[in-house]
Structures are given as C-alpha cells and as structure tokens.
Amino acid sequence: DALKLPPVSLIASLTNTDTHFTQLIDILAPQGKIGLIDDPVQ
C-alpha cells in the first residue's frame, strides 16, 4: 500500500505459498490472478 503503485492484479507465488496465501488474497485486486509453482506443505 505504501508504494502507491497500480492495483496488484497478478501475483506469482514462487515459494512458501501456504505461509503467505491469506496475505496474498488480501493484497490481490478483485478479479485478479494468483499463479504458483511450489508444493504447499499445508
């Protein structure tokens, strides 16, 4: 939020997705997309 950049509509989660997942959804703009490559433990 402090960066004041355009809405975060795309997220590439490359590591520790399970740790960050709820944060990422909070950051993601409506109708956005999350892409991941890792293997969530939880």
Full PDB file with SEQRES, HELIX, SHEET, SSBOND, CRYST1, ORIGX, SCALE, CONECT and MASTER records, all heavy atoms in Angstrom:
SEQRES   1 A   42  ASP ALA LEU LYS LEU PRO PRO VAL SER LEU ILE ALA SER          
SEQRES   2 A   42  LEU THR ASN THR ASP THR HIS PHE THR GLN LEU ILE ASP          
SEQRES   3 A   42  ILE LEU ALA PRO GLN GLY LYS ILE GLY LEU ILE ASP ASP          
SEQRES   4 A   42  PRO VAL GLN                                                  
HELIX    1 AA1 THR A   17  ILE A   27  1                                  11    
SHEET    1 AA1 2 LEU A  10  SER A  13  0                                        
SHEET    2 AA1 2 LYS A  33  LEU A  36  1                                        
CRYST1    1.000    1.000    1.000  90.00  90.00  90.00 P 1           1          
ORIGX1      1.000000  0.000000  0.000000        0.00000                         
ORIGX2      0.000000  1.000000  0.000000        0.00000                         
ORIGX3      0.000000  0.000000  1.000000        0.00000                         
SCALE1      1.000000  0.000000  0.000000        0.00000                         
SCALE2      0.000000  1.000000  0.000000        0.00000                         
SCALE3      0.000000  0.000000  1.000000        0.00000                         
ATOM      1  N   ASP A   1       0.831  -1.210   0.000  1.00  0.00           N  
ATOM      2  CA  ASP A   1       0.000   0.000   0.000  1.00  0.00           C  
ATOM      3  C   ASP A   1       0.866   1.260   0.000  1.00  0.00           C  
ATOM      4  O   ASP A   1       0.534   2.265  -0.652  1.00  0.00           O  
ATOM      5  CB  ASP A   1      -0.937   0.010   1.204  1.00  0.00           C  
ATOM      6  CG  ASP A   1      -2.027  -1.051   1.110  1.00  0.00           C  
ATOM      7  OD1 ASP A   1      -2.232  -1.597   0.004  1.00  0.00           O  
ATOM      8  OD2 ASP A   1      -2.649  -1.347   2.148  1.00  0.00           O  
ATOM      9  N   ALA A   2       1.977   1.222   0.752  1.00  0.00           N  
ATOM     10  CA  ALA A   2       2.834   2.405   0.870  1.00  0.00           C  
ATOM     11  C   ALA A   2       3.503   2.774  -0.451  1.00  0.00           C  
ATOM     12  O   ALA A   2       3.895   3.932  -0.648  1.00  0.00           O  
ATOM     13  CB  ALA A   2       3.889   2.172   1.945  1.00  0.00           C  
ATOM     14  N   LEU A   3       3.617   1.827  -1.364  1.00  0.00           N  
ATOM     15  CA  LEU A   3       4.276   2.096  -2.647  1.00  0.00           C  
ATOM     16  C   LEU A   3       3.399   2.901  -3.593  1.00  0.00           C  
ATOM     17  O   LEU A   3       3.899   3.521  -4.537  1.00  0.00           O  
ATOM     18  CB  LEU A   3       4.672   0.772  -3.312  1.00  0.00           C  
ATOM     19  CG  LEU A   3       5.736  -0.053  -2.588  1.00  0.00           C  
ATOM     20  CD1 LEU A   3       5.881  -1.430  -3.232  1.00  0.00           C  
ATOM     21  CD2 LEU A   3       7.071   0.676  -2.594  1.00  0.00           C  
ATOM     22  N   LYS A   4       2.068   2.847  -3.392  1.00  0.00           N  
ATOM     23  CA  LYS A   4       1.114   3.597  -4.218  1.00  0.00           C  
ATOM     24  C   LYS A   4       1.290   3.297  -5.719  1.00  0.00           C  
ATOM     25  O   LYS A   4       1.249   4.183  -6.576  1.00  0.00           O  
ATOM     26  CB  LYS A   4       1.221   5.098  -3.944  1.00  0.00           C  
ATOM     27  CG  LYS A   4       0.952   5.455  -2.486  1.00  0.00           C  
ATOM     28  CD  LYS A   4       0.833   6.936  -2.277  1.00  0.00           C  
ATOM     29  CE  LYS A   4       0.625   7.269  -0.801  1.00  0.00           C  
ATOM     30  NZ  LYS A   4      -0.524   6.579  -0.203  1.00  0.00           N  
ATOM     31  N   LEU A   5       1.470   2.029  -6.022  1.00  0.00           N  
ATOM     32  CA  LEU A   5       1.539   1.573  -7.405  1.00  0.00           C  
ATOM     33  C   LEU A   5       0.154   1.139  -7.872  1.00  0.00           C  
ATOM     34  O   LEU A   5      -0.779   1.065  -7.060  1.00  0.00           O  
ATOM     35  CB  LEU A   5       2.528   0.409  -7.504  1.00  0.00           C  
ATOM     36  CG  LEU A   5       4.006   0.771  -7.293  1.00  0.00           C  
ATOM     37  CD1 LEU A   5       4.857  -0.487  -7.212  1.00  0.00           C  
ATOM     38  CD2 LEU A   5       4.513   1.676  -8.408  1.00  0.00           C  
ATOM     39  N   PRO A   6      -0.030   0.821  -9.155  1.00  0.00           N  
ATOM     40  CA  PRO A   6      -1.328   0.327  -9.621  1.00  0.00           C  
ATOM     41  C   PRO A   6      -1.750  -0.927  -8.869  1.00  0.00           C  
ATOM     42  O   PRO A   6      -0.929  -1.589  -8.219  1.00  0.00           O  
ATOM     43  CB  PRO A   6      -1.074   0.029 -11.100  1.00  0.00           C  
ATOM     44  CG  PRO A   6       0.047   0.922 -11.488  1.00  0.00           C  
ATOM     45  CD  PRO A   6       0.926   0.999 -10.269  1.00  0.00           C  
ATOM     46  N   PRO A   7      -3.044  -1.294  -8.924  1.00  0.00           N  
ATOM     47  CA  PRO A   7      -3.542  -2.450  -8.178  1.00  0.00           C  
ATOM     48  C   PRO A   7      -2.757  -3.731  -8.506  1.00  0.00           C  
ATOM     49  O   PRO A   7      -2.378  -3.966  -9.657  1.00  0.00           O  
ATOM     50  CB  PRO A   7      -4.999  -2.574  -8.637  1.00  0.00           C  
ATOM     51  CG  PRO A   7      -5.355  -1.226  -9.155  1.00  0.00           C  
ATOM     52  CD  PRO A   7      -4.103  -0.645  -9.716  1.00  0.00           C  
ATOM     53  N   VAL A   8      -2.531  -4.551  -7.471  1.00  0.00           N  
ATOM     54  CA  VAL A   8      -1.851  -5.830  -7.663  1.00  0.00           C  
ATOM     55  C   VAL A   8      -2.871  -6.827  -8.210  1.00  0.00           C  
ATOM     56  O   VAL A   8      -3.608  -7.472  -7.465  1.00  0.00           O  
ATOM     57  CB  VAL A   8      -1.225  -6.341  -6.349  1.00  0.00           C  
ATOM     58  CG1 VAL A   8      -0.592  -7.716  -6.566  1.00  0.00           C  
ATOM     59  CG2 VAL A   8      -0.183  -5.358  -5.840  1.00  0.00           C  
ATOM     60  N   SER A   9      -2.915  -6.936  -9.523  1.00  0.00           N  
ATOM     61  CA  SER A   9      -3.873  -7.823 -10.188  1.00  0.00           C  
ATOM     62  C   SER A   9      -3.286  -9.178 -10.525  1.00  0.00           C  
ATOM     63  O   SER A   9      -4.028 -10.109 -10.841  1.00  0.00           O  
ATOM     64  CB  SER A   9      -4.387  -7.158 -11.468  1.00  0.00           C  
ATOM     65  OG  SER A   9      -5.088  -5.973 -11.164  1.00  0.00           O  
ATOM     66  N   LEU A  10      -1.952  -9.280 -10.494  1.00  0.00           N  
ATOM     67  CA  LEU A  10      -1.264 -10.529 -10.798  1.00  0.00           C  
ATOM     68  C   LEU A  10      -0.261 -10.827  -9.689  1.00  0.00           C  
ATOM     69  O   LEU A  10       0.513  -9.944  -9.305  1.00  0.00           O  
ATOM     70  CB  LEU A  10      -0.528 -10.436 -12.133  1.00  0.00           C  
ATOM     71  CG  LEU A  10      -1.342 -10.017 -13.364  1.00  0.00           C  
ATOM     72  CD1 LEU A  10      -0.433  -9.885 -14.570  1.00  0.00           C  
ATOM     73  CD2 LEU A  10      -2.455 -11.005 -13.634  1.00  0.00           C  
ATOM     74  N   ILE A  11      -0.293 -12.055  -9.192  1.00  0.00           N  
ATOM     75  CA  ILE A  11       0.674 -12.478  -8.173  1.00  0.00           C  
ATOM     76  C   ILE A  11       1.319 -13.777  -8.626  1.00  0.00           C  
ATOM     77  O   ILE A  11       0.624 -14.732  -8.972  1.00  0.00           O  
ATOM     78  CB  ILE A  11       0.014 -12.679  -6.797  1.00  0.00           C  
ATOM     79  CG1 ILE A  11      -0.541 -11.341  -6.266  1.00  0.00           C  
ATOM     80  CG2 ILE A  11       1.007 -13.265  -5.798  1.00  0.00           C  
ATOM     81  CD1 ILE A  11      -1.272 -11.459  -4.937  1.00  0.00           C  
ATOM     82  N   ALA A  12       2.651 -13.811  -8.620  1.00  0.00           N  
ATOM     83  CA  ALA A  12       3.412 -15.032  -8.876  1.00  0.00           C  
ATOM     84  C   ALA A  12       3.997 -15.487  -7.542  1.00  0.00           C  
ATOM     85  O   ALA A  12       4.926 -14.860  -7.027  1.00  0.00           O  
ATOM     86  CB  ALA A  12       4.517 -14.773  -9.897  1.00  0.00           C  
ATOM     87  N   SER A  13       3.419 -16.533  -6.981  1.00  0.00           N  
ATOM     88  CA  SER A  13       3.889 -17.050  -5.691  1.00  0.00           C  
ATOM     89  C   SER A  13       4.835 -18.213  -5.961  1.00  0.00           C  
ATOM     90  O   SER A  13       4.411 -19.292  -6.355  1.00  0.00           O  
ATOM     91  CB  SER A  13       2.708 -17.499  -4.833  1.00  0.00           C  
ATOM     92  OG  SER A  13       3.158 -17.934  -3.571  1.00  0.00           O  
ATOM     93  N   LEU A  14       6.118 -17.981  -5.740  1.00  0.00           N  
ATOM     94  CA  LEU A  14       7.149 -18.940  -6.141  1.00  0.00           C  
ATOM     95  C   LEU A  14       7.666 -19.782  -4.987  1.00  0.00           C  
ATOM     96  O   LEU A  14       8.353 -20.776  -5.212  1.00  0.00           O  
ATOM     97  CB  LEU A  14       8.321 -18.193  -6.800  1.00  0.00           C  
ATOM     98  CG  LEU A  14       7.938 -17.222  -7.928  1.00  0.00           C  
ATOM     99  CD1 LEU A  14       9.172 -16.551  -8.491  1.00  0.00           C  
ATOM    100  CD2 LEU A  14       7.148 -17.925  -9.022  1.00  0.00           C  
ATOM    101  N   THR A  15       7.333 -19.400  -3.763  1.00  0.00           N  
ATOM    102  CA  THR A  15       7.828 -20.128  -2.605  1.00  0.00           C  
ATOM    103  C   THR A  15       6.944 -19.873  -1.393  1.00  0.00           C  
ATOM    104  O   THR A  15       6.342 -18.796  -1.278  1.00  0.00           O  
ATOM    105  CB  THR A  15       9.289 -19.716  -2.289  1.00  0.00           C  
ATOM    106  OG1 THR A  15       9.787 -20.487  -1.211  1.00  0.00           O  
ATOM    107  CG2 THR A  15       9.389 -18.245  -1.939  1.00  0.00           C  
ATOM    108  N   ASN A  16       6.828 -20.870  -0.531  1.00  0.00           N  
ATOM    109  CA  ASN A  16       6.075 -20.730   0.726  1.00  0.00           C  
ATOM    110  C   ASN A  16       4.653 -20.197   0.522  1.00  0.00           C  
ATOM    111  O   ASN A  16       4.167 -19.366   1.289  1.00  0.00           O  
ATOM    112  CB  ASN A  16       6.831 -19.822   1.703  1.00  0.00           C  
ATOM    113  CG  ASN A  16       8.161 -20.411   2.137  1.00  0.00           C  
ATOM    114  OD1 ASN A  16       8.249 -21.604   2.448  1.00  0.00           O  
ATOM    115  ND2 ASN A  16       9.197 -19.600   2.139  1.00  0.00           N  
ATOM    116  N   THR A  17       3.988 -20.698  -0.519  1.00  0.00           N  
ATOM    117  CA  THR A  17       2.629 -20.223  -0.807  1.00  0.00           C  
ATOM    118  C   THR A  17       1.688 -20.445   0.363  1.00  0.00           C  
ATOM    119  O   THR A  17       0.861 -19.582   0.669  1.00  0.00           O  
ATOM    120  CB  THR A  17       2.084 -20.920  -2.065  1.00  0.00           C  
ATOM    121  OG1 THR A  17       2.889 -20.551  -3.195  1.00  0.00           O  
ATOM    122  CG2 THR A  17       0.643 -20.510  -2.335  1.00  0.00           C  
ATOM    123  N   ASP A  18       1.800 -21.598   1.040  1.00  0.00           N  
ATOM    124  CA  ASP A  18       0.887 -21.866   2.147  1.00  0.00           C  
ATOM    125  C   ASP A  18       1.072 -20.861   3.285  1.00  0.00           C  
ATOM    126  O   ASP A  18       0.114 -20.467   3.951  1.00  0.00           O  
ATOM    127  CB  ASP A  18       1.037 -23.305   2.658  1.00  0.00           C  
ATOM    128  CG  ASP A  18       2.476 -23.726   2.895  1.00  0.00           C  
ATOM    129  OD1 ASP A  18       3.397 -22.916   2.635  1.00  0.00           O  
ATOM    130  OD2 ASP A  18       2.694 -24.867   3.332  1.00  0.00           O  
ATOM    131  N   THR A  19       2.308 -20.408   3.510  1.00  0.00           N  
ATOM    132  CA  THR A  19       2.581 -19.425   4.560  1.00  0.00           C  
ATOM    133  C   THR A  19       1.961 -18.073   4.222  1.00  0.00           C  
ATOM    134  O   THR A  19       1.437 -17.384   5.106  1.00  0.00           O  
ATOM    135  CB  THR A  19       4.102 -19.253   4.745  1.00  0.00           C  
ATOM    136  OG1 THR A  19       4.672 -20.513   5.081  1.00  0.00           O  
ATOM    137  CG2 THR A  19       4.418 -18.242   5.838  1.00  0.00           C  
ATOM    138  N   HIS A  20       2.012 -17.692   2.956  1.00  0.00           N  
ATOM    139  CA  HIS A  20       1.613 -16.339   2.555  1.00  0.00           C  
ATOM    140  C   HIS A  20       0.204 -16.255   1.987  1.00  0.00           C  
ATOM    141  O   HIS A  20      -0.264 -15.140   1.698  1.00  0.00           O  
ATOM    142  CB  HIS A  20       2.589 -15.809   1.491  1.00  0.00           C  
ATOM    143  CG  HIS A  20       4.025 -15.791   1.895  1.00  0.00           C  
ATOM    144  ND1 HIS A  20       4.469 -15.145   3.029  1.00  0.00           N  
ATOM    145  CD2 HIS A  20       5.129 -16.333   1.309  1.00  0.00           C  
ATOM    146  CE1 HIS A  20       5.789 -15.282   3.123  1.00  0.00           C  
ATOM    147  NE2 HIS A  20       6.204 -16.010   2.105  1.00  0.00           N  
ATOM    148  N   PHE A  21      -0.506 -17.361   1.822  1.00  0.00           N  
ATOM    149  CA  PHE A  21      -1.702 -17.388   0.983  1.00  0.00           C  
ATOM    150  C   PHE A  21      -2.769 -16.374   1.421  1.00  0.00           C  
ATOM    151  O   PHE A  21      -3.310 -15.637   0.593  1.00  0.00           O  
ATOM    152  CB  PHE A  21      -2.298 -18.794   0.946  1.00  0.00           C  
ATOM    153  CG  PHE A  21      -3.323 -18.988  -0.132  1.00  0.00           C  
ATOM    154  CD1 PHE A  21      -3.003 -18.826  -1.459  1.00  0.00           C  
ATOM    155  CD2 PHE A  21      -4.634 -19.345   0.192  1.00  0.00           C  
ATOM    156  CE1 PHE A  21      -3.948 -19.004  -2.470  1.00  0.00           C  
ATOM    157  CE2 PHE A  21      -5.586 -19.535  -0.803  1.00  0.00           C  
ATOM    158  CZ  PHE A  21      -5.237 -19.360  -2.132  1.00  0.00           C  
ATOM    159  N   THR A  22      -3.084 -16.313   2.705  1.00  0.00           N  
ATOM    160  CA  THR A  22      -4.131 -15.375   3.140  1.00  0.00           C  
ATOM    161  C   THR A  22      -3.687 -13.931   2.928  1.00  0.00           C  
ATOM    162  O   THR A  22      -4.504 -13.070   2.570  1.00  0.00           O  
ATOM    163  CB  THR A  22      -4.516 -15.607   4.608  1.00  0.00           C  
ATOM    164  OG1 THR A  22      -3.345 -15.539   5.432  1.00  0.00           O  
ATOM    165  CG2 THR A  22      -5.165 -16.971   4.788  1.00  0.00           C  
ATOM    166  N   GLN A  23      -2.399 -13.643   3.126  1.00  0.00           N  
ATOM    167  CA  GLN A  23      -1.893 -12.297   2.848  1.00  0.00           C  
ATOM    168  C   GLN A  23      -2.033 -11.951   1.371  1.00  0.00           C  
ATOM    169  O   GLN A  23      -2.381 -10.819   1.019  1.00  0.00           O  
ATOM    170  CB  GLN A  23      -0.414 -12.197   3.220  1.00  0.00           C  
ATOM    171  CG  GLN A  23      -0.091 -12.120   4.689  1.00  0.00           C  
ATOM    172  CD  GLN A  23       1.345 -11.658   4.893  1.00  0.00           C  
ATOM    173  OE1 GLN A  23       1.652 -10.480   4.730  1.00  0.00           O  
ATOM    174  NE2 GLN A  23       2.222 -12.601   5.220  1.00  0.00           N  
ATOM    175  N   LEU A  24      -1.736 -12.914   0.516  1.00  0.00           N  
ATOM    176  CA  LEU A  24      -1.789 -12.659  -0.919  1.00  0.00           C  
ATOM    177  C   LEU A  24      -3.213 -12.354  -1.378  1.00  0.00           C  
ATOM    178  O   LEU A  24      -3.428 -11.479  -2.220  1.00  0.00           O  
ATOM    179  CB  LEU A  24      -1.223 -13.858  -1.690  1.00  0.00           C  
ATOM    180  CG  LEU A  24       0.241 -14.210  -1.400  1.00  0.00           C  
ATOM    181  CD1 LEU A  24       0.695 -15.376  -2.273  1.00  0.00           C  
ATOM    182  CD2 LEU A  24       1.148 -13.003  -1.601  1.00  0.00           C  
ATOM    183  N   ILE A  25      -4.167 -13.069  -0.831  1.00  0.00           N  
ATOM    184  CA  ILE A  25      -5.562 -12.803  -1.191  1.00  0.00           C  
ATOM    185  C   ILE A  25      -5.972 -11.410  -0.729  1.00  0.00           C  
ATOM    186  O   ILE A  25      -6.706 -10.694  -1.421  1.00  0.00           O  
ATOM    187  CB  ILE A  25      -6.478 -13.889  -0.596  1.00  0.00           C  
ATOM    188  CG1 ILE A  25      -6.201 -15.224  -1.301  1.00  0.00           C  
ATOM    189  CG2 ILE A  25      -7.950 -13.514  -0.750  1.00  0.00           C  
ATOM    190  CD1 ILE A  25      -6.891 -16.399  -0.685  1.00  0.00           C  
ATOM    191  N   ASP A  26      -5.475 -10.994   0.426  1.00  0.00           N  
ATOM    192  CA  ASP A  26      -5.777  -9.655   0.942  1.00  0.00           C  
ATOM    193  C   ASP A  26      -5.185  -8.585   0.029  1.00  0.00           C  
ATOM    194  O   ASP A  26      -5.799  -7.538  -0.205  1.00  0.00           O  
ATOM    195  CB  ASP A  26      -5.206  -9.531   2.356  1.00  0.00           C  
ATOM    196  CG  ASP A  26      -5.780  -8.361   3.125  1.00  0.00           C  
ATOM    197  OD1 ASP A  26      -6.893  -7.901   2.768  1.00  0.00           O  
ATOM    198  OD2 ASP A  26      -5.121  -7.899   4.078  1.00  0.00           O  
ATOM    199  N   ILE A  27      -4.006  -8.843  -0.514  1.00  0.00           N  
ATOM    200  CA  ILE A  27      -3.334  -7.892  -1.403  1.00  0.00           C  
ATOM    201  C   ILE A  27      -3.959  -7.870  -2.791  1.00  0.00           C  
ATOM    202  O   ILE A  27      -4.045  -6.822  -3.436  1.00  0.00           O  
ATOM    203  CB  ILE A  27      -1.834  -8.255  -1.521  1.00  0.00           C  
ATOM    204  CG1 ILE A  27      -1.120  -8.037  -0.189  1.00  0.00           C  
ATOM    205  CG2 ILE A  27      -1.151  -7.478  -2.642  1.00  0.00           C  
ATOM    206  CD1 ILE A  27       0.263  -8.664  -0.129  1.00  0.00           C  
ATOM    207  N   LEU A  28      -4.426  -9.024  -3.265  1.00  0.00           N  
ATOM    208  CA  LEU A  28      -4.891  -9.175  -4.647  1.00  0.00           C  
ATOM    209  C   LEU A  28      -6.098  -8.293  -4.951  1.00  0.00           C  
ATOM    210  O   LEU A  28      -7.053  -8.224  -4.185  1.00  0.00           O  
ATOM    211  CB  LEU A  28      -5.249 -10.640  -4.906  1.00  0.00           C  
ATOM    212  CG  LEU A  28      -5.588 -11.042  -6.347  1.00  0.00           C  
ATOM    213  CD1 LEU A  28      -4.368 -10.913  -7.244  1.00  0.00           C  
ATOM    214  CD2 LEU A  28      -6.136 -12.465  -6.379  1.00  0.00           C  
ATOM    215  N   ALA A  29      -6.060  -7.639  -6.105  1.00  0.00           N  
ATOM    216  CA  ALA A  29      -7.194  -6.824  -6.551  1.00  0.00           C  
ATOM    217  C   ALA A  29      -8.350  -7.723  -6.982  1.00  0.00           C  
ATOM    218  O   ALA A  29      -8.139  -8.873  -7.379  1.00  0.00           O  
ATOM    219  CB  ALA A  29      -6.769  -5.945  -7.724  1.00  0.00           C  
ATOM    220  N   PRO A  30      -9.591  -7.233  -6.905  1.00  0.00           N  
ATOM    221  CA  PRO A  30     -10.731  -8.006  -7.403  1.00  0.00           C  
ATOM    222  C   PRO A  30     -10.498  -8.439  -8.854  1.00  0.00           C  
ATOM    223  O   PRO A  30      -9.933  -7.698  -9.656  1.00  0.00           O  
ATOM    224  CB  PRO A  30     -11.893  -7.017  -7.298  1.00  0.00           C  
ATOM    225  CG  PRO A  30     -11.491  -6.095  -6.194  1.00  0.00           C  
ATOM    226  CD  PRO A  30     -10.005  -5.940  -6.329  1.00  0.00           C  
ATOM    227  N   GLN A  31     -10.919  -9.676  -9.149  1.00  0.00           N  
ATOM    228  CA  GLN A  31     -10.774 -10.292 -10.462  1.00  0.00           C  
ATOM    229  C   GLN A  31      -9.304 -10.537 -10.844  1.00  0.00           C  
ATOM    230  O   GLN A  31      -8.986 -10.709 -12.015  1.00  0.00           O  
ATOM    231  CB  GLN A  31     -11.460  -9.459 -11.553  1.00  0.00           C  
ATOM    232  CG  GLN A  31     -12.948  -9.225 -11.283  1.00  0.00           C  
ATOM    233  CD  GLN A  31     -13.609  -8.438 -12.384  1.00  0.00           C  
ATOM    234  OE1 GLN A  31     -13.979  -8.995 -13.425  1.00  0.00           O  
ATOM    235  NE2 GLN A  31     -13.758  -7.141 -12.180  1.00  0.00           N  
ATOM    236  N   GLY A  32      -8.454 -10.587  -9.827  1.00  0.00           N  
ATOM    237  CA  GLY A  32      -7.041 -10.824 -10.075  1.00  0.00           C  
ATOM    238  C   GLY A  32      -6.711 -12.302 -10.209  1.00  0.00           C  
ATOM    239  O   GLY A  32      -7.580 -13.181 -10.109  1.00  0.00           O  
ATOM    240  N   LYS A  33      -5.437 -12.597 -10.421  1.00  0.00           N  
ATOM    241  CA  LYS A  33      -4.967 -13.970 -10.625  1.00  0.00           C  
ATOM    242  C   LYS A  33      -3.740 -14.241  -9.757  1.00  0.00           C  
ATOM    243  O   LYS A  33      -2.842 -13.393  -9.672  1.00  0.00           O  
ATOM    244  CB  LYS A  33      -4.589 -14.204 -12.093  1.00  0.00           C  
ATOM    245  CG  LYS A  33      -5.738 -14.010 -13.078  1.00  0.00           C  
ATOM    246  CD  LYS A  33      -5.243 -14.231 -14.505  1.00  0.00           C  
ATOM    247  CE  LYS A  33      -6.368 -14.047 -15.518  1.00  0.00           C  
ATOM    248  NZ  LYS A  33      -5.906 -14.281 -16.904  1.00  0.00           N  
ATOM    249  N   ILE A  34      -3.729 -15.419  -9.139  1.00  0.00           N  
ATOM    250  CA  ILE A  34      -2.550 -15.900  -8.417  1.00  0.00           C  
ATOM    251  C   ILE A  34      -2.020 -17.131  -9.141  1.00  0.00           C  
ATOM    252  O   ILE A  34      -2.773 -18.069  -9.411  1.00  0.00           O  
ATOM    253  CB  ILE A  34      -2.874 -16.262  -6.956  1.00  0.00           C  
ATOM    254  CG1 ILE A  34      -3.372 -15.028  -6.186  1.00  0.00           C  
ATOM    255  CG2 ILE A  34      -1.648 -16.858  -6.264  1.00  0.00           C  
ATOM    256  CD1 ILE A  34      -3.767 -15.330  -4.749  1.00  0.00           C  
ATOM    257  N   GLY A  35      -0.749 -17.125  -9.465  1.00  0.00           N  
ATOM    258  CA  GLY A  35      -0.098 -18.283 -10.064  1.00  0.00           C  
ATOM    259  C   GLY A  35       0.970 -18.805  -9.124  1.00  0.00           C  
ATOM    260  O   GLY A  35       1.686 -18.020  -8.503  1.00  0.00           O  
ATOM    261  N   LEU A  36       1.089 -20.131  -9.006  1.00  0.00           N  
ATOM    262  CA  LEU A  36       2.092 -20.697  -8.115  1.00  0.00           C  
ATOM    263  C   LEU A  36       2.804 -21.868  -8.766  1.00  0.00           C  
ATOM    264  O   LEU A  36       2.286 -22.505  -9.678  1.00  0.00           O  
ATOM    265  CB  LEU A  36       1.484 -21.111  -6.774  1.00  0.00           C  
ATOM    266  CG  LEU A  36       0.402 -22.180  -6.760  1.00  0.00           C  
ATOM    267  CD1 LEU A  36       0.421 -22.913  -5.423  1.00  0.00           C  
ATOM    268  CD2 LEU A  36      -0.977 -21.548  -6.932  1.00  0.00           C  
ATOM    269  N   ILE A  37       4.020 -22.115  -8.241  1.00  0.00           N  
ATOM    270  CA  ILE A  37       4.837 -23.196  -8.793  1.00  0.00           C  
ATOM    271  C   ILE A  37       5.309 -24.160  -7.711  1.00  0.00           C  
ATOM    272  O   ILE A  37       5.861 -25.216  -8.034  1.00  0.00           O  
ATOM    273  CB  ILE A  37       6.075 -22.651  -9.533  1.00  0.00           C  
ATOM    274  CG1 ILE A  37       7.033 -21.955  -8.561  1.00  0.00           C  
ATOM    275  CG2 ILE A  37       5.668 -21.721 -10.660  1.00  0.00           C  
ATOM    276  CD1 ILE A  37       8.380 -21.612  -9.165  1.00  0.00           C  
ATOM    277  N   ASP A  38       5.143 -23.805  -6.440  1.00  0.00           N  
ATOM    278  CA  ASP A  38       5.724 -24.613  -5.373  1.00  0.00           C  
ATOM    279  C   ASP A  38       4.745 -25.689  -4.912  1.00  0.00           C  
ATOM    280  O   ASP A  38       3.658 -25.844  -5.476  1.00  0.00           O  
ATOM    281  CB  ASP A  38       6.181 -23.732  -4.203  1.00  0.00           C  
ATOM    282  CG  ASP A  38       5.038 -22.966  -3.560  1.00  0.00           C  
ATOM    283  OD1 ASP A  38       4.036 -22.687  -4.244  1.00  0.00           O  
ATOM    284  OD2 ASP A  38       5.143 -22.641  -2.361  1.00  0.00           O  
ATOM    285  N   ASP A  39       5.132 -26.438  -3.899  1.00  0.00           N  
ATOM    286  CA  ASP A  39       4.322 -27.535  -3.376  1.00  0.00           C  
ATOM    287  C   ASP A  39       3.929 -27.206  -1.933  1.00  0.00           C  
ATOM    288  O   ASP A  39       4.685 -27.527  -1.008  1.00  0.00           O  
ATOM    289  CB  ASP A  39       5.110 -28.849  -3.408  1.00  0.00           C  
ATOM    290  CG  ASP A  39       5.591 -29.200  -4.804  1.00  0.00           C  
ATOM    291  OD1 ASP A  39       4.769 -29.084  -5.734  1.00  0.00           O  
ATOM    292  OD2 ASP A  39       6.760 -29.570  -4.964  1.00  0.00           O  
ATOM    293  N   PRO A  40       2.786 -26.557  -1.729  1.00  0.00           N  
ATOM    294  CA  PRO A  40       2.404 -26.174  -0.369  1.00  0.00           C  
ATOM    295  C   PRO A  40       2.380 -27.370   0.582  1.00  0.00           C  
ATOM    296  O   PRO A  40       1.819 -28.418   0.259  1.00  0.00           O  
ATOM    297  CB  PRO A  40       1.007 -25.585  -0.552  1.00  0.00           C  
ATOM    298  CG  PRO A  40       0.983 -25.097  -1.971  1.00  0.00           C  
ATOM    299  CD  PRO A  40       1.805 -26.088  -2.728  1.00  0.00           C  
ATOM    300  N   VAL A  41       2.991 -27.193   1.740  1.00  0.00           N  
ATOM    301  CA  VAL A  41       3.013 -28.253   2.750  1.00  0.00           C  
ATOM    302  C   VAL A  41       1.656 -28.354   3.426  1.00  0.00           C  
ATOM    303  O   VAL A  41       1.108 -29.438   3.624  1.00  0.00           O  
ATOM    304  CB  VAL A  41       4.125 -27.987   3.786  1.00  0.00           C  
ATOM    305  CG1 VAL A  41       4.093 -29.060   4.880  1.00  0.00           C  
ATOM    306  CG2 VAL A  41       5.484 -27.953   3.103  1.00  0.00           C  
ATOM    307  N   GLN A  42       1.106 -27.198   3.766  1.00  0.00           N  
ATOM    308  CA  GLN A  42      -0.229 -27.141   4.363  1.00  0.00           C  
ATOM    309  C   GLN A  42      -1.255 -26.844   3.273  1.00  0.00           C  
ATOM    310  O   GLN A  42      -0.959 -26.140   2.305  1.00  0.00           O  
ATOM    311  CB  GLN A  42      -0.288 -26.055   5.442  1.00  0.00           C  
ATOM    312  CG  GLN A  42       0.681 -26.273   6.601  1.00  0.00           C  
ATOM    313  CD  GLN A  42       0.401 -27.554   7.344  1.00  0.00           C  
ATOM    314  OE1 GLN A  42      -0.752 -27.931   7.537  1.00  0.00           O  
ATOM    315  NE2 GLN A  42       1.462 -28.241   7.767  1.00  0.00           N  
TER     316      GLN A  42                                                      
MASTER        0    0    0    1    2    0    0    6  315    1    0    4          
END                                                                             
